[in-house]
N, C-alpha and C. Protein backbone atom coordinates (compact mmCIF):
# COMPACT_ATOMS: atom_id res chain seq x y z
N MET A 1 -5.12 -2.20 -1.14
CA MET A 1 -3.89 -2.11 -0.29
C MET A 1 -3.06 -3.39 -0.48
N PRO A 2 -1.79 -3.14 -0.42
CA PRO A 2 -1.00 -4.39 -0.45
C PRO A 2 -1.12 -4.93 0.93
N THR A 3 -0.49 -6.30 0.86
CA THR A 3 -0.86 -7.06 2.20
C THR A 3 -0.24 -6.50 3.16
N ILE A 4 -0.48 -6.79 4.41
CA ILE A 4 0.33 -6.77 5.63
C ILE A 4 1.53 -7.05 5.64
N PHE A 5 1.89 -8.16 4.84
CA PHE A 5 3.36 -8.78 4.97
C PHE A 5 4.29 -7.80 4.03
N THR A 6 3.62 -7.06 3.10
CA THR A 6 4.36 -6.27 2.24
C THR A 6 4.47 -4.78 2.81
N HIS A 7 3.56 -4.32 3.65
CA HIS A 7 3.78 -3.13 4.14
C HIS A 7 4.81 -3.17 5.42
N ALA A 8 4.76 -4.19 6.09
CA ALA A 8 5.80 -4.56 7.16
C ALA A 8 7.20 -4.94 6.45
N LEU A 9 7.10 -5.29 5.02
CA LEU A 9 8.71 -5.37 4.35
C LEU A 9 9.52 -4.22 4.48
N ILE A 10 8.99 -3.14 4.26
CA ILE A 10 9.68 -1.96 4.06
C ILE A 10 10.65 -1.54 5.36
N PRO A 11 10.10 -1.43 6.60
CA PRO A 11 10.69 -1.45 7.65
C PRO A 11 11.87 -2.45 7.84
N LEU A 12 11.33 -3.60 7.72
CA LEU A 12 12.34 -4.79 7.87
C LEU A 12 13.45 -4.49 7.04
N ALA A 13 13.22 -4.48 5.74
CA ALA A 13 14.45 -4.15 4.77
C ALA A 13 15.13 -3.19 5.20
N ALA A 14 14.70 -1.98 5.60
CA ALA A 14 15.53 -0.86 6.17
C ALA A 14 16.32 -1.35 7.23
N GLY A 15 15.74 -2.08 8.19
CA GLY A 15 16.36 -2.64 9.51
C GLY A 15 17.57 -3.39 9.02
N LEU A 16 17.23 -4.60 8.13
CA LEU A 16 18.35 -5.24 7.71
C LEU A 16 19.47 -4.71 6.98
N ALA A 17 19.23 -3.60 6.12
CA ALA A 17 20.04 -3.02 5.29
C ALA A 17 21.13 -2.29 6.07
N LEU A 18 20.44 -1.37 7.12
CA LEU A 18 21.21 -0.30 7.92
C LEU A 18 21.78 -0.71 9.06
N GLY A 19 21.34 -2.23 9.75
CA GLY A 19 21.85 -2.74 10.60
C GLY A 19 21.39 -2.32 11.96
N ARG A 20 21.55 -3.04 13.06
CA ARG A 20 21.17 -2.85 14.45
C ARG A 20 21.78 -1.69 15.30
N ARG A 21 23.05 -1.28 14.63
CA ARG A 21 23.65 -0.03 15.34
C ARG A 21 22.90 1.18 14.72
N THR A 22 22.33 1.03 13.59
CA THR A 22 21.82 2.18 13.03
C THR A 22 20.35 2.27 13.61
N LEU A 23 19.52 1.18 13.52
CA LEU A 23 18.22 0.95 13.63
C LEU A 23 18.00 -0.28 14.80
N SER A 24 17.85 -0.02 16.06
CA SER A 24 17.68 -1.04 17.00
C SER A 24 16.61 -1.91 16.55
N PRO A 25 16.65 -3.27 16.87
CA PRO A 25 15.65 -4.11 16.59
C PRO A 25 14.18 -3.80 17.23
N HIS A 26 14.15 -3.20 18.40
CA HIS A 26 13.07 -2.68 18.94
C HIS A 26 12.40 -1.51 17.82
N LEU A 27 13.04 -0.82 17.32
CA LEU A 27 12.68 0.34 16.62
C LEU A 27 12.29 -0.09 15.34
N VAL A 28 13.00 -1.15 14.69
CA VAL A 28 12.44 -1.99 13.49
C VAL A 28 11.14 -2.72 13.63
N ALA A 29 11.04 -3.33 14.86
CA ALA A 29 9.66 -4.00 15.15
C ALA A 29 8.76 -2.90 15.12
N ALA A 30 8.80 -1.70 16.03
CA ALA A 30 7.93 -0.69 15.98
C ALA A 30 7.64 -0.38 14.66
N GLY A 31 8.54 -0.23 13.66
CA GLY A 31 8.56 0.56 12.32
C GLY A 31 7.46 -0.62 11.53
N MET A 32 7.77 -1.82 11.86
CA MET A 32 6.75 -2.79 11.04
C MET A 32 5.28 -2.72 11.64
N PHE A 33 5.07 -2.35 12.85
CA PHE A 33 3.80 -2.11 13.35
C PHE A 33 3.37 -1.03 12.80
N ALA A 34 4.08 -0.03 12.88
CA ALA A 34 3.62 1.34 12.40
C ALA A 34 3.24 1.18 10.80
N ALA A 35 3.95 0.58 10.10
CA ALA A 35 3.68 0.49 8.69
C ALA A 35 2.52 -0.42 8.30
N ILE A 36 1.95 -1.20 9.24
CA ILE A 36 0.68 -1.92 9.12
C ILE A 36 -0.55 -0.95 9.84
N ALA A 37 -0.21 -0.15 10.96
CA ALA A 37 -1.24 0.24 11.64
C ALA A 37 -2.30 1.13 10.86
N PRO A 38 -2.21 1.66 9.70
CA PRO A 38 -3.08 2.53 9.18
C PRO A 38 -4.41 1.50 8.75
N ASP A 39 -4.00 0.45 8.38
CA ASP A 39 -5.01 -0.74 8.03
C ASP A 39 -6.12 -0.93 9.22
N PHE A 40 -5.76 -0.68 10.49
CA PHE A 40 -6.65 -1.03 11.47
C PHE A 40 -7.85 -0.14 11.54
N ASP A 41 -7.89 0.88 10.51
CA ASP A 41 -9.13 1.57 10.33
C ASP A 41 -10.13 0.65 9.52
N SER A 42 -9.88 -0.52 9.14
CA SER A 42 -10.82 -1.51 8.64
C SER A 42 -11.87 -1.77 9.53
N ILE A 43 -11.54 -1.81 10.99
CA ILE A 43 -12.64 -1.89 11.88
C ILE A 43 -13.88 -1.01 11.67
N ALA A 44 -13.59 0.31 10.95
CA ALA A 44 -14.76 0.98 10.74
C ALA A 44 -15.85 0.27 10.25
N PHE A 45 -15.54 -0.57 9.50
CA PHE A 45 -16.74 -1.27 8.54
C PHE A 45 -17.63 -2.14 9.54
N LYS A 46 -16.98 -2.59 10.88
CA LYS A 46 -17.85 -3.26 11.76
C LYS A 46 -18.58 -2.20 12.44
N LEU A 47 -17.91 -0.89 12.52
CA LEU A 47 -18.80 0.21 13.43
C LEU A 47 -19.71 1.06 12.60
N GLY A 48 -19.91 0.48 11.45
CA GLY A 48 -20.94 1.03 10.58
C GLY A 48 -20.18 2.23 10.00
N ILE A 49 -19.13 2.61 9.91
CA ILE A 49 -18.63 3.86 9.23
C ILE A 49 -18.21 3.61 7.91
N ALA A 50 -18.66 4.25 6.98
CA ALA A 50 -18.60 4.09 5.50
C ALA A 50 -17.33 4.27 5.03
N TYR A 51 -17.07 3.51 3.90
CA TYR A 51 -15.88 3.59 3.57
C TYR A 51 -15.14 4.84 3.06
N ALA A 52 -16.14 5.59 2.30
CA ALA A 52 -15.67 6.83 2.07
C ALA A 52 -15.68 7.87 3.04
N ASP A 53 -15.97 7.60 4.22
CA ASP A 53 -16.03 8.67 5.38
C ASP A 53 -14.76 8.97 5.50
N GLN A 54 -14.45 10.07 6.09
CA GLN A 54 -12.95 10.74 6.38
C GLN A 54 -12.28 9.71 7.48
N PHE A 55 -13.01 9.03 8.31
CA PHE A 55 -12.63 7.86 9.40
C PHE A 55 -12.88 6.47 8.67
N GLY A 56 -13.31 6.35 7.38
CA GLY A 56 -13.43 4.98 6.87
C GLY A 56 -11.96 4.66 6.38
N HIS A 57 -12.00 3.37 5.67
CA HIS A 57 -10.74 2.77 5.29
C HIS A 57 -10.21 3.54 4.29
N ARG A 58 -8.80 3.85 4.36
CA ARG A 58 -8.14 4.56 3.48
C ARG A 58 -8.15 6.11 3.84
N GLY A 59 -8.75 6.37 5.14
CA GLY A 59 -9.09 7.81 5.46
C GLY A 59 -8.10 8.43 6.19
N ALA A 60 -8.47 9.13 7.33
CA ALA A 60 -7.53 9.87 7.94
C ALA A 60 -6.39 9.10 8.72
N SER A 61 -6.54 7.81 8.84
CA SER A 61 -5.29 6.82 9.22
C SER A 61 -4.51 6.72 8.04
N HIS A 62 -4.41 7.14 6.95
CA HIS A 62 -3.77 6.81 5.86
C HIS A 62 -3.15 8.35 5.47
N SER A 63 -2.97 9.17 6.36
CA SER A 63 -2.53 10.55 5.89
C SER A 63 -1.15 10.73 6.58
N ILE A 64 -0.66 11.92 6.11
CA ILE A 64 0.78 12.38 6.57
C ILE A 64 0.57 12.74 8.05
N ALA A 65 -0.62 13.31 8.27
CA ALA A 65 -0.97 13.80 9.59
C ALA A 65 -0.90 12.55 10.79
N CYS A 66 -1.49 11.58 10.41
CA CYS A 66 -1.25 10.47 11.11
C CYS A 66 0.04 9.82 11.34
N ALA A 67 0.71 9.78 10.21
CA ALA A 67 2.29 9.43 10.23
C ALA A 67 2.96 10.33 11.26
N LEU A 68 2.66 11.73 11.09
CA LEU A 68 3.47 12.40 12.10
C LEU A 68 3.20 12.28 13.35
N ALA A 69 1.92 12.00 13.68
CA ALA A 69 1.30 11.58 15.00
C ALA A 69 2.21 10.51 15.58
N LEU A 70 2.05 9.44 14.76
CA LEU A 70 2.76 8.22 15.52
C LEU A 70 4.22 8.18 15.58
N GLY A 71 4.70 9.45 14.74
CA GLY A 71 6.15 9.59 14.89
C GLY A 71 6.54 10.37 16.42
N LEU A 72 5.68 11.27 16.66
CA LEU A 72 5.52 12.05 17.86
C LEU A 72 5.36 11.01 19.04
N LEU A 73 4.56 10.12 18.89
CA LEU A 73 4.33 8.99 19.79
C LEU A 73 5.53 8.36 20.00
N ALA A 74 6.28 7.87 19.08
CA ALA A 74 7.45 7.19 19.16
C ALA A 74 8.57 7.85 19.71
N ALA A 75 8.64 9.23 19.53
CA ALA A 75 9.74 9.99 20.17
C ALA A 75 9.47 9.89 21.51
N ILE A 76 8.28 9.89 22.14
CA ILE A 76 7.92 10.01 23.44
C ILE A 76 8.51 8.46 24.03
N VAL A 77 8.49 7.58 23.46
CA VAL A 77 8.76 6.21 23.78
C VAL A 77 10.27 5.77 23.45
N ALA A 78 10.97 6.74 22.78
CA ALA A 78 12.19 6.54 22.23
C ALA A 78 13.23 5.71 23.12
N PRO A 79 13.26 5.88 24.40
CA PRO A 79 14.21 5.24 25.39
C PRO A 79 13.91 3.61 25.27
N TRP A 80 12.63 3.37 25.34
CA TRP A 80 11.86 2.03 25.16
C TRP A 80 12.56 1.28 23.79
N LEU A 81 12.41 2.25 22.78
CA LEU A 81 12.73 1.67 21.29
C LEU A 81 14.31 1.58 21.29
N ARG A 82 15.05 2.04 22.24
CA ARG A 82 16.28 1.89 22.40
C ARG A 82 16.99 2.77 21.11
N THR A 83 16.66 4.08 21.06
CA THR A 83 17.07 4.93 20.06
C THR A 83 17.02 6.27 20.66
N THR A 84 17.33 7.26 19.73
CA THR A 84 17.11 8.69 20.00
C THR A 84 15.72 9.13 19.74
N ARG A 85 15.39 10.12 20.28
CA ARG A 85 13.82 10.73 19.88
C ARG A 85 13.66 11.10 18.60
N MET A 86 14.67 11.61 17.87
CA MET A 86 14.69 12.28 16.49
C MET A 86 14.58 11.03 15.69
N LYS A 87 15.58 10.05 15.69
CA LYS A 87 15.54 8.74 15.01
C LYS A 87 14.22 8.04 15.05
N ALA A 88 13.45 7.96 16.34
CA ALA A 88 12.23 7.33 16.48
C ALA A 88 11.14 8.01 15.80
N PHE A 89 11.35 9.36 15.90
CA PHE A 89 10.27 10.14 15.00
C PHE A 89 10.38 10.03 13.72
N LEU A 90 11.62 10.15 13.10
CA LEU A 90 11.63 10.17 11.50
C LEU A 90 11.47 8.82 11.04
N PHE A 91 11.77 7.63 11.70
CA PHE A 91 11.75 6.18 11.23
C PHE A 91 10.29 5.83 11.31
N ILE A 92 9.70 6.07 12.29
CA ILE A 92 8.18 5.73 12.57
C ILE A 92 7.24 6.60 11.74
N ALA A 93 7.58 7.90 11.44
CA ALA A 93 6.76 8.74 10.52
C ALA A 93 6.85 8.14 9.02
N ALA A 94 8.15 7.85 8.84
CA ALA A 94 8.43 7.29 7.52
C ALA A 94 7.75 5.97 7.05
N CYS A 95 7.84 5.31 8.25
CA CYS A 95 7.26 3.66 8.21
C CYS A 95 5.62 3.92 8.03
N THR A 96 5.22 4.66 8.69
CA THR A 96 3.55 4.99 8.69
C THR A 96 3.19 5.55 7.48
N ALA A 97 3.93 6.59 6.95
CA ALA A 97 3.63 7.12 5.58
C ALA A 97 4.00 6.12 4.41
N SER A 98 4.67 5.42 4.54
CA SER A 98 4.96 4.36 3.64
C SER A 98 3.57 3.59 3.22
N HIS A 99 2.79 3.30 4.26
CA HIS A 99 1.62 2.61 4.03
C HIS A 99 0.82 3.28 2.90
N PRO A 100 0.21 4.49 3.36
CA PRO A 100 -0.81 5.23 2.21
C PRO A 100 0.14 5.35 0.73
N LEU A 101 1.43 5.66 0.88
CA LEU A 101 2.10 5.68 -0.46
C LEU A 101 1.97 4.70 -1.24
N LEU A 102 2.21 3.20 -0.69
CA LEU A 102 1.99 2.18 -1.16
C LEU A 102 0.48 1.60 -1.92
N ASP A 103 -0.33 2.23 -0.88
CA ASP A 103 -1.87 2.11 -1.20
C ASP A 103 -2.11 2.61 -2.60
N ALA A 104 -1.44 3.99 -2.62
CA ALA A 104 -1.99 4.92 -3.86
C ALA A 104 -1.45 4.31 -5.00
N PHE A 105 -0.56 3.19 -4.85
CA PHE A 105 -0.12 2.73 -5.96
C PHE A 105 -0.87 1.34 -6.43
N THR A 106 -1.94 1.14 -5.62
CA THR A 106 -2.84 0.16 -6.28
C THR A 106 -3.90 0.08 -7.23
N ASP A 107 -4.44 -0.57 -7.75
CA ASP A 107 -5.40 -0.51 -8.67
C ASP A 107 -6.99 -0.66 -8.36
N GLY A 108 -7.02 -0.23 -7.13
CA GLY A 108 -8.36 -0.60 -6.56
C GLY A 108 -8.70 0.40 -5.46
N GLY A 109 -10.08 0.41 -4.79
CA GLY A 109 -10.45 1.54 -3.76
C GLY A 109 -10.71 2.74 -4.16
N LEU A 110 -10.90 3.57 -3.25
CA LEU A 110 -11.16 4.85 -3.39
C LEU A 110 -10.05 5.94 -3.51
N GLY A 111 -8.63 5.57 -3.26
CA GLY A 111 -7.69 6.34 -3.15
C GLY A 111 -7.32 6.35 -1.66
N VAL A 112 -6.41 7.31 -1.24
CA VAL A 112 -6.13 7.79 0.17
C VAL A 112 -6.11 8.85 0.29
N ALA A 113 -6.34 9.08 1.76
CA ALA A 113 -6.54 10.62 2.24
C ALA A 113 -5.45 11.12 2.64
N LEU A 114 -4.33 11.23 1.83
CA LEU A 114 -2.89 11.44 2.28
C LEU A 114 -3.00 12.87 2.93
N LEU A 115 -3.73 14.00 2.40
CA LEU A 115 -3.40 15.24 2.82
C LEU A 115 -4.63 15.36 4.14
N TRP A 116 -5.20 14.49 4.35
CA TRP A 116 -6.37 14.77 5.60
C TRP A 116 -5.46 15.51 6.90
N PRO A 117 -5.88 16.57 7.62
CA PRO A 117 -7.20 16.84 7.73
C PRO A 117 -7.38 18.08 6.79
N TRP A 118 -6.42 18.70 6.00
CA TRP A 118 -6.38 19.62 5.09
C TRP A 118 -7.38 19.51 3.76
N SER A 119 -7.42 18.38 3.44
CA SER A 119 -8.22 18.22 2.41
C SER A 119 -8.79 16.58 2.52
N HIS A 120 -10.12 16.39 2.33
CA HIS A 120 -10.70 15.07 2.39
C HIS A 120 -10.78 14.24 1.12
N ASP A 121 -10.11 14.80 0.00
CA ASP A 121 -10.06 14.26 -1.27
C ASP A 121 -9.17 12.74 -0.96
N ARG A 122 -9.53 11.91 -1.72
CA ARG A 122 -8.75 10.65 -1.91
C ARG A 122 -7.79 10.74 -3.10
N ILE A 123 -6.62 10.31 -3.13
CA ILE A 123 -5.70 10.46 -4.21
C ILE A 123 -5.23 9.16 -4.52
N PHE A 124 -4.82 8.73 -5.89
CA PHE A 124 -3.93 7.78 -6.32
C PHE A 124 -2.86 8.36 -6.82
N ALA A 125 -1.79 7.32 -6.81
CA ALA A 125 -0.71 7.55 -7.84
C ALA A 125 -0.89 7.78 -9.50
N PRO A 126 -0.04 8.41 -10.17
CA PRO A 126 -0.43 8.46 -11.46
C PRO A 126 -0.31 6.97 -12.07
N TRP A 127 0.56 6.24 -11.46
CA TRP A 127 0.70 4.85 -12.09
C TRP A 127 0.10 3.94 -11.08
N ARG A 128 -0.52 3.06 -11.34
CA ARG A 128 -1.02 2.21 -10.31
C ARG A 128 -0.98 0.50 -10.62
N PRO A 129 0.26 0.17 -10.68
CA PRO A 129 0.57 -1.53 -11.05
C PRO A 129 0.27 -2.36 -10.12
N ILE A 130 0.24 -2.00 -8.64
CA ILE A 130 -0.12 -3.18 -7.45
C ILE A 130 -1.48 -3.50 -7.76
N GLU A 131 -1.83 -4.75 -7.70
CA GLU A 131 -3.16 -5.32 -7.48
C GLU A 131 -3.75 -5.25 -6.18
N VAL A 132 -4.83 -4.37 -5.79
CA VAL A 132 -5.47 -4.35 -4.45
C VAL A 132 -5.65 -5.46 -3.77
N SER A 133 -5.49 -5.86 -2.54
CA SER A 133 -5.51 -6.89 -1.77
C SER A 133 -6.89 -6.86 -1.53
N PRO A 134 -7.63 -8.22 -1.34
CA PRO A 134 -8.82 -8.20 -0.72
C PRO A 134 -8.84 -7.99 0.89
N ILE A 135 -10.07 -7.45 1.43
CA ILE A 135 -9.90 -6.94 2.88
C ILE A 135 -10.24 -8.51 3.60
N GLY A 136 -9.45 -8.59 4.94
CA GLY A 136 -9.73 -9.75 5.49
C GLY A 136 -8.54 -10.80 5.08
N ALA A 137 -9.03 -12.11 5.19
CA ALA A 137 -8.29 -13.11 5.14
C ALA A 137 -8.58 -13.87 3.70
N GLY A 138 -8.92 -12.71 2.77
CA GLY A 138 -9.47 -13.22 1.24
C GLY A 138 -7.98 -13.40 0.45
N PHE A 139 -6.64 -13.04 1.15
CA PHE A 139 -5.76 -13.22 0.18
C PHE A 139 -5.16 -14.81 0.35
N PHE A 140 -5.75 -15.55 1.00
CA PHE A 140 -5.87 -16.89 0.97
C PHE A 140 -6.61 -17.56 0.05
N SER A 141 -6.66 -17.21 -1.39
CA SER A 141 -7.52 -17.55 -2.43
C SER A 141 -6.72 -17.24 -3.81
N LEU A 142 -7.40 -17.76 -4.82
CA LEU A 142 -6.81 -17.47 -6.07
C LEU A 142 -6.45 -16.12 -6.38
N ARG A 143 -7.32 -15.12 -6.00
CA ARG A 143 -7.26 -13.71 -6.26
C ARG A 143 -6.12 -13.35 -5.35
N GLY A 144 -5.90 -13.69 -4.03
CA GLY A 144 -5.00 -13.57 -3.17
C GLY A 144 -3.58 -13.78 -3.82
N LEU A 145 -3.46 -14.88 -4.35
CA LEU A 145 -2.16 -15.48 -4.99
C LEU A 145 -1.86 -14.25 -5.97
N GLU A 146 -2.67 -13.90 -6.98
CA GLU A 146 -2.60 -12.77 -7.98
C GLU A 146 -1.89 -11.58 -7.49
N VAL A 147 -2.56 -11.13 -6.09
CA VAL A 147 -2.11 -9.86 -5.38
C VAL A 147 -0.76 -10.17 -4.87
N LEU A 148 -0.51 -11.34 -4.30
CA LEU A 148 0.82 -11.66 -3.82
C LEU A 148 1.93 -11.56 -4.97
N TRP A 149 1.53 -12.15 -6.09
CA TRP A 149 2.55 -11.99 -7.39
C TRP A 149 2.57 -10.65 -7.51
N SER A 150 1.74 -9.61 -7.75
CA SER A 150 1.68 -8.38 -8.13
C SER A 150 2.71 -7.68 -7.10
N GLU A 151 2.54 -7.99 -5.65
CA GLU A 151 3.37 -7.27 -4.63
C GLU A 151 4.98 -7.76 -4.86
N LEU A 152 5.05 -9.05 -5.17
CA LEU A 152 6.31 -9.57 -5.29
C LEU A 152 7.18 -8.82 -6.43
N LYS A 153 6.49 -8.77 -7.59
CA LYS A 153 7.11 -7.73 -8.75
C LYS A 153 7.05 -6.55 -8.81
N TRP A 154 6.41 -5.81 -7.92
CA TRP A 154 6.24 -4.47 -7.83
C TRP A 154 6.85 -3.83 -6.62
N VAL A 155 6.84 -4.64 -5.48
CA VAL A 155 7.33 -3.83 -4.23
C VAL A 155 8.37 -4.87 -3.60
N VAL A 156 8.25 -6.03 -3.58
CA VAL A 156 9.06 -6.92 -2.87
C VAL A 156 10.40 -7.10 -3.31
N VAL A 157 10.41 -7.33 -4.74
CA VAL A 157 11.73 -7.24 -5.40
C VAL A 157 12.53 -6.08 -5.47
N PRO A 158 11.87 -4.81 -5.69
CA PRO A 158 12.49 -3.56 -5.89
C PRO A 158 13.05 -3.48 -4.49
N THR A 159 12.39 -3.48 -3.39
CA THR A 159 12.66 -3.12 -2.20
C THR A 159 14.06 -4.03 -1.92
N LEU A 160 14.01 -5.06 -2.04
CA LEU A 160 15.18 -6.11 -1.81
C LEU A 160 16.42 -5.40 -2.53
N LEU A 161 16.13 -5.15 -3.79
CA LEU A 161 17.29 -4.69 -4.92
C LEU A 161 17.92 -3.31 -4.20
N LEU A 162 17.12 -2.60 -3.61
CA LEU A 162 17.53 -1.41 -3.19
C LEU A 162 18.22 -1.71 -1.65
N ALA A 163 17.84 -2.76 -1.01
CA ALA A 163 18.33 -2.73 0.39
C ALA A 163 19.82 -3.74 0.35
N MET A 164 19.61 -4.61 -0.60
CA MET A 164 20.82 -5.56 -0.59
C MET A 164 22.18 -4.83 -0.93
N PRO A 165 22.33 -3.66 -1.87
CA PRO A 165 23.56 -3.05 -1.89
C PRO A 165 23.94 -2.55 -0.63
N VAL A 166 23.08 -1.86 0.27
CA VAL A 166 23.40 -1.19 1.47
C VAL A 166 24.01 -2.28 2.41
N TRP A 167 23.24 -3.39 2.63
CA TRP A 167 23.43 -4.49 3.24
C TRP A 167 24.94 -5.13 2.84
N GLY A 168 25.32 -5.20 1.67
CA GLY A 168 26.64 -5.63 1.18
C GLY A 168 27.78 -4.69 1.57
N TRP A 169 27.37 -3.55 1.36
CA TRP A 169 28.44 -2.58 1.78
C TRP A 169 28.68 -2.39 3.19
N ARG A 170 27.66 -2.57 4.02
CA ARG A 170 27.74 -2.72 5.41
C ARG A 170 28.71 -3.97 5.78
N ALA A 171 28.34 -5.04 5.11
CA ALA A 171 29.04 -6.43 5.27
C ALA A 171 30.53 -6.00 5.00
N LYS A 172 30.91 -5.50 3.83
CA LYS A 172 32.46 -5.21 3.45
C LYS A 172 32.84 -4.39 4.64
N ALA A 173 32.22 -3.37 5.04
CA ALA A 173 32.68 -2.51 6.13
C ALA A 173 33.15 -3.17 7.21
N ARG A 174 32.33 -4.06 7.94
CA ARG A 174 32.40 -4.61 9.09
C ARG A 174 33.44 -5.79 8.98
N ASN A 175 33.68 -6.31 7.91
CA ASN A 175 34.85 -7.05 7.84
C ASN A 175 36.16 -6.43 7.32
N GLY A 176 36.22 -5.26 7.30
CA GLY A 176 37.53 -4.45 7.27
C GLY A 176 38.05 -4.55 5.74
N ILE A 177 37.07 -4.81 4.66
CA ILE A 177 37.26 -4.59 3.36
C ILE A 177 37.11 -3.44 2.59
N ALA A 178 38.09 -2.62 2.59
CA ALA A 178 38.05 -1.46 1.91
C ALA A 178 37.93 -1.34 0.39
N GLU A 179 37.25 -0.31 -0.27
CA GLU A 179 37.42 -0.22 -1.67
C GLU A 179 38.10 0.95 -1.99
């Protein structure tokens, strides 16, 4: 898995690029939480649930069904997120789904149960350039630095390169500079 920092970057970059008129700060914060939430399944280890179990790490919580469920929950609390129900649903579902999609591009683990409950198969992306992060606080090690470098190269820089033109376009529009 990429580190929690990288998972949270996706909604943060979207929020910065699109601005608070499009994505309220409350919605962006909820999106950052939603992007990290699938890894709460790591408590399964403490509960004696095997990694490969459907409720183990990268199991059900890493599915499209889970992303849709969190999106529905966000739609219910949309007024608190200071947004519309549809925007809350779409943004939170997308942020949650970004987590297993990023995990599928890592070079370790058993894959992600993206299609749970319809399939218990764990899948990977065909190309897996991101080094898998150590579970727990292990990323504060030499191996962790290698993982952070991999994430910087394969996720952080590309995300920022996608977000910066949108942010720049918005800044020009805000300042009344037309092209």
